[in-house]
Amino acid sequence: MTDQAAEHVRKPRADAVRNRERVLEAAKAVFSAGGADASLEAVARGAGVGIGTLYRHFPTRESLFEAVYRREVQQLGELAEQLKNEAEPVEALRHWLRSNVEFVATKKGMTAALALAAHKPSELTAYSFDRLTKAVGALLDRAVAAGEIRTDIGPEDVLRALIGMCYMHDQAGWQSTVLRLLDVFVDGLRVQPKAGRRKTSPSRRGSRTPAKRSRKR
């Protein structure tokens, strides 16, 4: 076999690559929405491919789960890098955490629709936790360096809080509840002004006015 022929064998065709990406994107949309229509057939329809094409790329339900999972984690890592250059530190952290809610929704939907057992500690979960910890850690460090976020919380703490909020809510529309709680959580991480620097309230300013006038007399 010539080198050119070997390269042709090794490289997937462009249309195969496009089909695979369409399947992954459709799987994310279908499983995030959840419900009775969250099936492999719905994924194939959403991707515009036949069920046979889906199975050629992902021969098992678990292989589809892993591919979507890894893709989501990779995109969250890339988003963190992008936000470090494009957003204010606290808002970058908020944006990234809110994007994770969609990731958890996709994971929940796949676990239910594909009838997968809850994932036990594995290479996949270890990979995702390490990648996500580094991503949120970089955003936290940036916010701390800017003096906008308290220093007594680490990236693992933030991820555990996020996961806890997501998995405490399973009712329909749970994402909106978690997004609201995330805003409260992020606002609670902000550095609070010191008591000595608080502005005097209007009522207190008014109470001192007569004393100043009496001294002038």
Protein backbone atom coordinates (compact mmCIF):
# COMPACT_ATOMS: atom_id res chain seq x y z
CA MET A 1 0.00 0.00 0.00
CA THR A 2 1.40 3.42 -0.95
CA ASP A 3 1.73 6.24 1.56
CA GLN A 4 -1.03 8.15 -0.22
CA ALA A 5 -3.37 5.17 -0.08
CA ALA A 6 -2.56 4.58 3.60
CA GLU A 7 -3.31 8.22 4.41
CA HIS A 8 -6.64 7.89 2.59
CA VAL A 9 -7.52 4.86 4.72
CA ARG A 10 -6.54 6.54 7.99
CA LYS A 11 -8.40 9.80 7.40
CA PRO A 12 -12.19 9.70 7.63
CA ARG A 13 -14.05 11.19 4.69
CA ALA A 14 -15.23 14.78 5.06
CA ASP A 15 -18.89 13.80 4.87
CA ALA A 16 -18.35 11.20 7.62
CA VAL A 17 -16.79 13.86 9.86
CA ARG A 18 -19.72 16.19 9.18
CA ASN A 19 -22.23 13.44 9.95
CA ARG A 20 -20.51 12.66 13.23
CA GLU A 21 -20.57 16.31 14.29
CA ARG A 22 -24.23 16.61 13.33
CA VAL A 23 -25.06 13.56 15.44
CA LEU A 24 -23.21 14.97 18.46
CA GLU A 25 -24.91 18.35 18.14
CA ALA A 26 -28.32 16.74 17.70
CA ALA A 27 -27.71 14.46 20.70
CA LYS A 28 -26.92 17.46 22.85
CA ALA A 29 -30.13 19.24 21.81
CA VAL A 30 -32.38 16.19 22.12
CA PHE A 31 -31.07 15.01 25.47
CA SER A 32 -30.95 18.50 26.98
CA ALA A 33 -34.66 18.88 26.22
CA GLY A 34 -35.42 15.47 27.76
CA GLY A 35 -38.89 13.99 27.70
CA ALA A 36 -40.39 11.02 25.91
CA ASP A 37 -38.87 12.01 22.55
CA ALA A 38 -35.28 11.83 23.81
CA SER A 39 -34.32 8.68 21.92
CA LEU A 40 -31.63 7.58 19.50
CA GLU A 41 -34.17 7.77 16.70
CA ALA A 42 -34.86 11.41 17.63
CA VAL A 43 -31.13 12.10 17.57
CA ALA A 44 -30.81 10.58 14.10
CA ARG A 45 -33.77 12.65 12.83
CA GLY A 46 -32.32 15.81 14.35
CA ALA A 47 -28.98 15.15 12.69
CA GLY A 48 -30.61 14.41 9.33
CA VAL A 49 -29.07 10.94 9.11
CA GLY A 50 -30.41 7.39 9.21
CA ILE A 51 -30.28 5.32 12.38
CA GLY A 52 -27.76 3.07 10.62
CA THR A 53 -25.39 6.02 10.15
CA LEU A 54 -25.71 6.87 13.84
CA TYR A 55 -24.79 3.32 14.83
CA ARG A 56 -21.83 3.27 12.44
CA HIS A 57 -20.34 6.22 14.31
CA PHE A 58 -21.53 5.14 17.76
CA PRO A 59 -22.10 1.37 17.90
CA THR A 60 -23.31 1.47 21.51
CA ARG A 61 -25.34 3.89 23.58
CA GLU A 62 -22.40 4.23 25.94
CA SER A 63 -20.10 5.31 23.10
CA LEU A 64 -22.53 8.10 22.18
CA PHE A 65 -22.71 9.18 25.82
CA GLU A 66 -18.92 9.33 26.10
CA ALA A 67 -18.47 11.24 22.84
CA VAL A 68 -21.06 13.88 23.76
CA TYR A 69 -19.69 14.10 27.30
CA ARG A 70 -16.10 14.64 26.16
CA ARG A 71 -17.18 17.17 23.55
CA GLU A 72 -19.10 19.19 26.16
CA VAL A 73 -16.15 19.18 28.58
CA GLN A 74 -13.78 20.26 25.82
CA GLN A 75 -16.08 23.11 24.82
CA LEU A 76 -16.35 24.29 28.44
CA GLY A 77 -12.57 24.34 28.66
CA GLU A 78 -12.36 26.39 25.48
CA LEU A 79 -15.08 28.74 26.74
CA ALA A 80 -13.09 29.45 29.91
CA GLU A 81 -10.06 30.42 27.82
CA GLN A 82 -12.21 32.68 25.66
CA LEU A 83 -13.88 34.37 28.63
CA LYS A 84 -10.54 35.19 30.24
CA ASN A 85 -9.90 37.58 27.37
CA GLU A 86 -13.40 38.88 26.64
CA ALA A 87 -15.31 39.44 29.88
CA GLU A 88 -14.98 41.11 33.27
CA PRO A 89 -13.65 38.62 35.86
CA VAL A 90 -16.85 38.10 37.86
CA GLU A 91 -19.09 38.04 34.80
CA ALA A 92 -16.71 35.58 33.12
CA LEU A 93 -17.09 33.25 36.09
CA ARG A 94 -20.87 33.70 36.09
CA HIS A 95 -21.14 33.00 32.34
CA TRP A 96 -19.03 29.86 32.60
CA LEU A 97 -21.01 28.45 35.52
CA ARG A 98 -24.30 29.12 33.76
CA SER A 99 -23.01 27.25 30.69
CA ASN A 100 -22.35 24.25 32.93
CA VAL A 101 -26.06 23.99 33.70
CA GLU A 102 -26.68 23.09 30.06
CA PHE A 103 -23.92 20.48 30.27
CA VAL A 104 -25.52 18.86 33.33
CA ALA A 105 -28.93 18.92 31.60
CA THR A 106 -27.43 17.03 28.65
CA LYS A 107 -25.80 14.49 30.97
CA LYS A 108 -29.03 13.97 32.91
CA GLY A 109 -31.00 13.53 29.70
CA MET A 110 -28.57 10.98 28.27
CA THR A 111 -28.49 8.96 31.49
CA ALA A 112 -32.30 8.75 31.49
CA ALA A 113 -32.99 8.35 27.77
CA LEU A 114 -30.21 5.85 27.12
CA ALA A 115 -31.05 3.88 30.27
CA LEU A 116 -27.47 4.17 31.48
CA ALA A 117 -26.49 3.41 35.03
CA ALA A 118 -25.22 6.33 37.07
CA HIS A 119 -21.57 6.80 36.19
CA LYS A 120 -19.16 5.48 38.80
CA PRO A 121 -15.65 6.95 39.19
CA SER A 122 -13.84 6.23 35.95
CA GLU A 123 -11.30 7.59 33.53
CA LEU A 124 -14.03 9.68 31.91
CA THR A 125 -15.24 11.32 35.13
CA ALA A 126 -11.65 11.84 36.29
CA TYR A 127 -10.82 13.50 32.98
CA SER A 128 -13.84 15.80 33.14
CA PHE A 129 -13.31 16.79 36.78
CA ASP A 130 -9.66 17.62 36.13
CA ARG A 131 -10.45 19.66 33.00
CA LEU A 132 -13.34 21.56 34.59
CA THR A 133 -11.40 22.22 37.81
CA LYS A 134 -8.58 23.80 35.81
CA ALA A 135 -11.05 25.88 33.79
CA VAL A 136 -12.93 27.34 36.75
CA GLY A 137 -9.66 27.68 38.70
CA ALA A 138 -8.25 29.99 36.05
CA LEU A 139 -11.40 32.14 36.13
CA LEU A 140 -11.35 32.26 39.94
CA ASP A 141 -7.68 33.24 40.03
CA ARG A 142 -8.36 36.09 37.63
CA ALA A 143 -11.27 37.38 39.72
CA VAL A 144 -9.23 37.12 42.96
CA ALA A 145 -6.30 38.95 41.38
CA ALA A 146 -8.70 41.74 40.40
CA GLY A 147 -9.82 42.00 44.03
CA GLU A 148 -13.41 41.14 43.14
CA ILE A 149 -13.81 37.63 44.60
CA ARG A 150 -13.09 36.39 48.12
CA THR A 151 -9.98 34.27 48.51
CA ASP A 152 -11.29 31.51 50.81
CA ILE A 153 -12.96 29.37 48.14
CA GLY A 154 -11.31 27.02 45.67
CA PRO A 155 -12.29 25.60 42.29
CA GLU A 156 -13.34 22.26 43.80
CA ASP A 157 -15.69 24.10 46.17
CA VAL A 158 -17.29 25.94 43.26
CA LEU A 159 -17.79 22.76 41.23
CA ARG A 160 -19.30 20.90 44.19
CA ALA A 161 -21.71 23.77 44.82
CA LEU A 162 -22.70 23.81 41.15
CA ILE A 163 -23.24 20.04 41.00
CA GLY A 164 -25.21 20.11 44.24
CA MET A 165 -27.57 22.78 42.92
CA CYS A 166 -28.10 20.90 39.65
CA TYR A 167 -28.83 17.52 41.20
CA MET A 168 -31.06 18.79 44.00
CA HIS A 169 -33.61 19.84 41.37
CA ASP A 170 -35.22 17.33 38.99
CA GLN A 171 -38.62 18.83 38.32
CA ALA A 172 -39.53 20.25 34.91
CA GLY A 173 -37.86 23.59 34.34
CA TRP A 174 -35.19 22.96 36.98
CA GLN A 175 -32.59 24.83 34.93
CA SER A 176 -34.22 28.23 35.54
CA THR A 177 -34.20 27.61 39.30
CA VAL A 178 -30.52 26.66 39.26
CA LEU A 179 -29.59 29.67 37.12
CA ARG A 180 -31.26 31.94 39.65
CA LEU A 181 -29.44 30.25 42.54
CA LEU A 182 -26.15 30.52 40.65
CA ASP A 183 -26.58 34.28 40.43
CA VAL A 184 -27.10 34.42 44.19
CA PHE A 185 -24.05 32.18 44.71
CA VAL A 186 -21.75 34.27 42.50
CA ASP A 187 -22.93 37.52 44.07
CA GLY A 188 -22.13 35.99 47.48
CA LEU A 189 -18.54 35.39 46.35
CA ARG A 190 -17.96 39.07 45.71
CA VAL A 191 -15.65 40.97 48.05
CA GLN A 192 -17.82 43.09 50.33
CA PRO A 193 -16.82 46.70 51.14
CA LYS A 194 -15.29 47.22 54.58
CA ALA A 195 -17.54 48.68 57.26
CA GLY A 196 -15.40 51.79 57.62
CA ARG A 197 -15.83 52.62 53.96
CA ARG A 198 -19.61 52.50 53.90
CA LYS A 199 -21.30 55.63 52.76
CA THR A 200 -23.23 57.58 55.36
CA SER A 201 -26.96 57.21 54.97
CA PRO A 202 -29.02 60.32 54.10
CA SER A 203 -30.76 60.25 57.51
CA ARG A 204 -27.44 60.38 59.34
CA ARG A 205 -26.21 63.23 57.17
CA GLY A 206 -29.37 65.12 57.99
CA SER A 207 -28.96 64.57 61.76
CA ARG A 208 -25.55 66.23 61.73
CA THR A 209 -26.65 69.33 59.83
CA PRO A 210 -28.06 71.30 62.82
CA ALA A 211 -24.85 70.78 64.80
CA LYS A 212 -22.75 72.21 62.01
CA ARG A 213 -24.98 75.27 61.76
CA SER A 214 -24.91 75.92 65.49
CA ARG A 215 -21.13 75.97 65.51
CA LYS A 216 -21.12 78.63 62.79
CA ARG A 217 -23.31 80.86 64.92
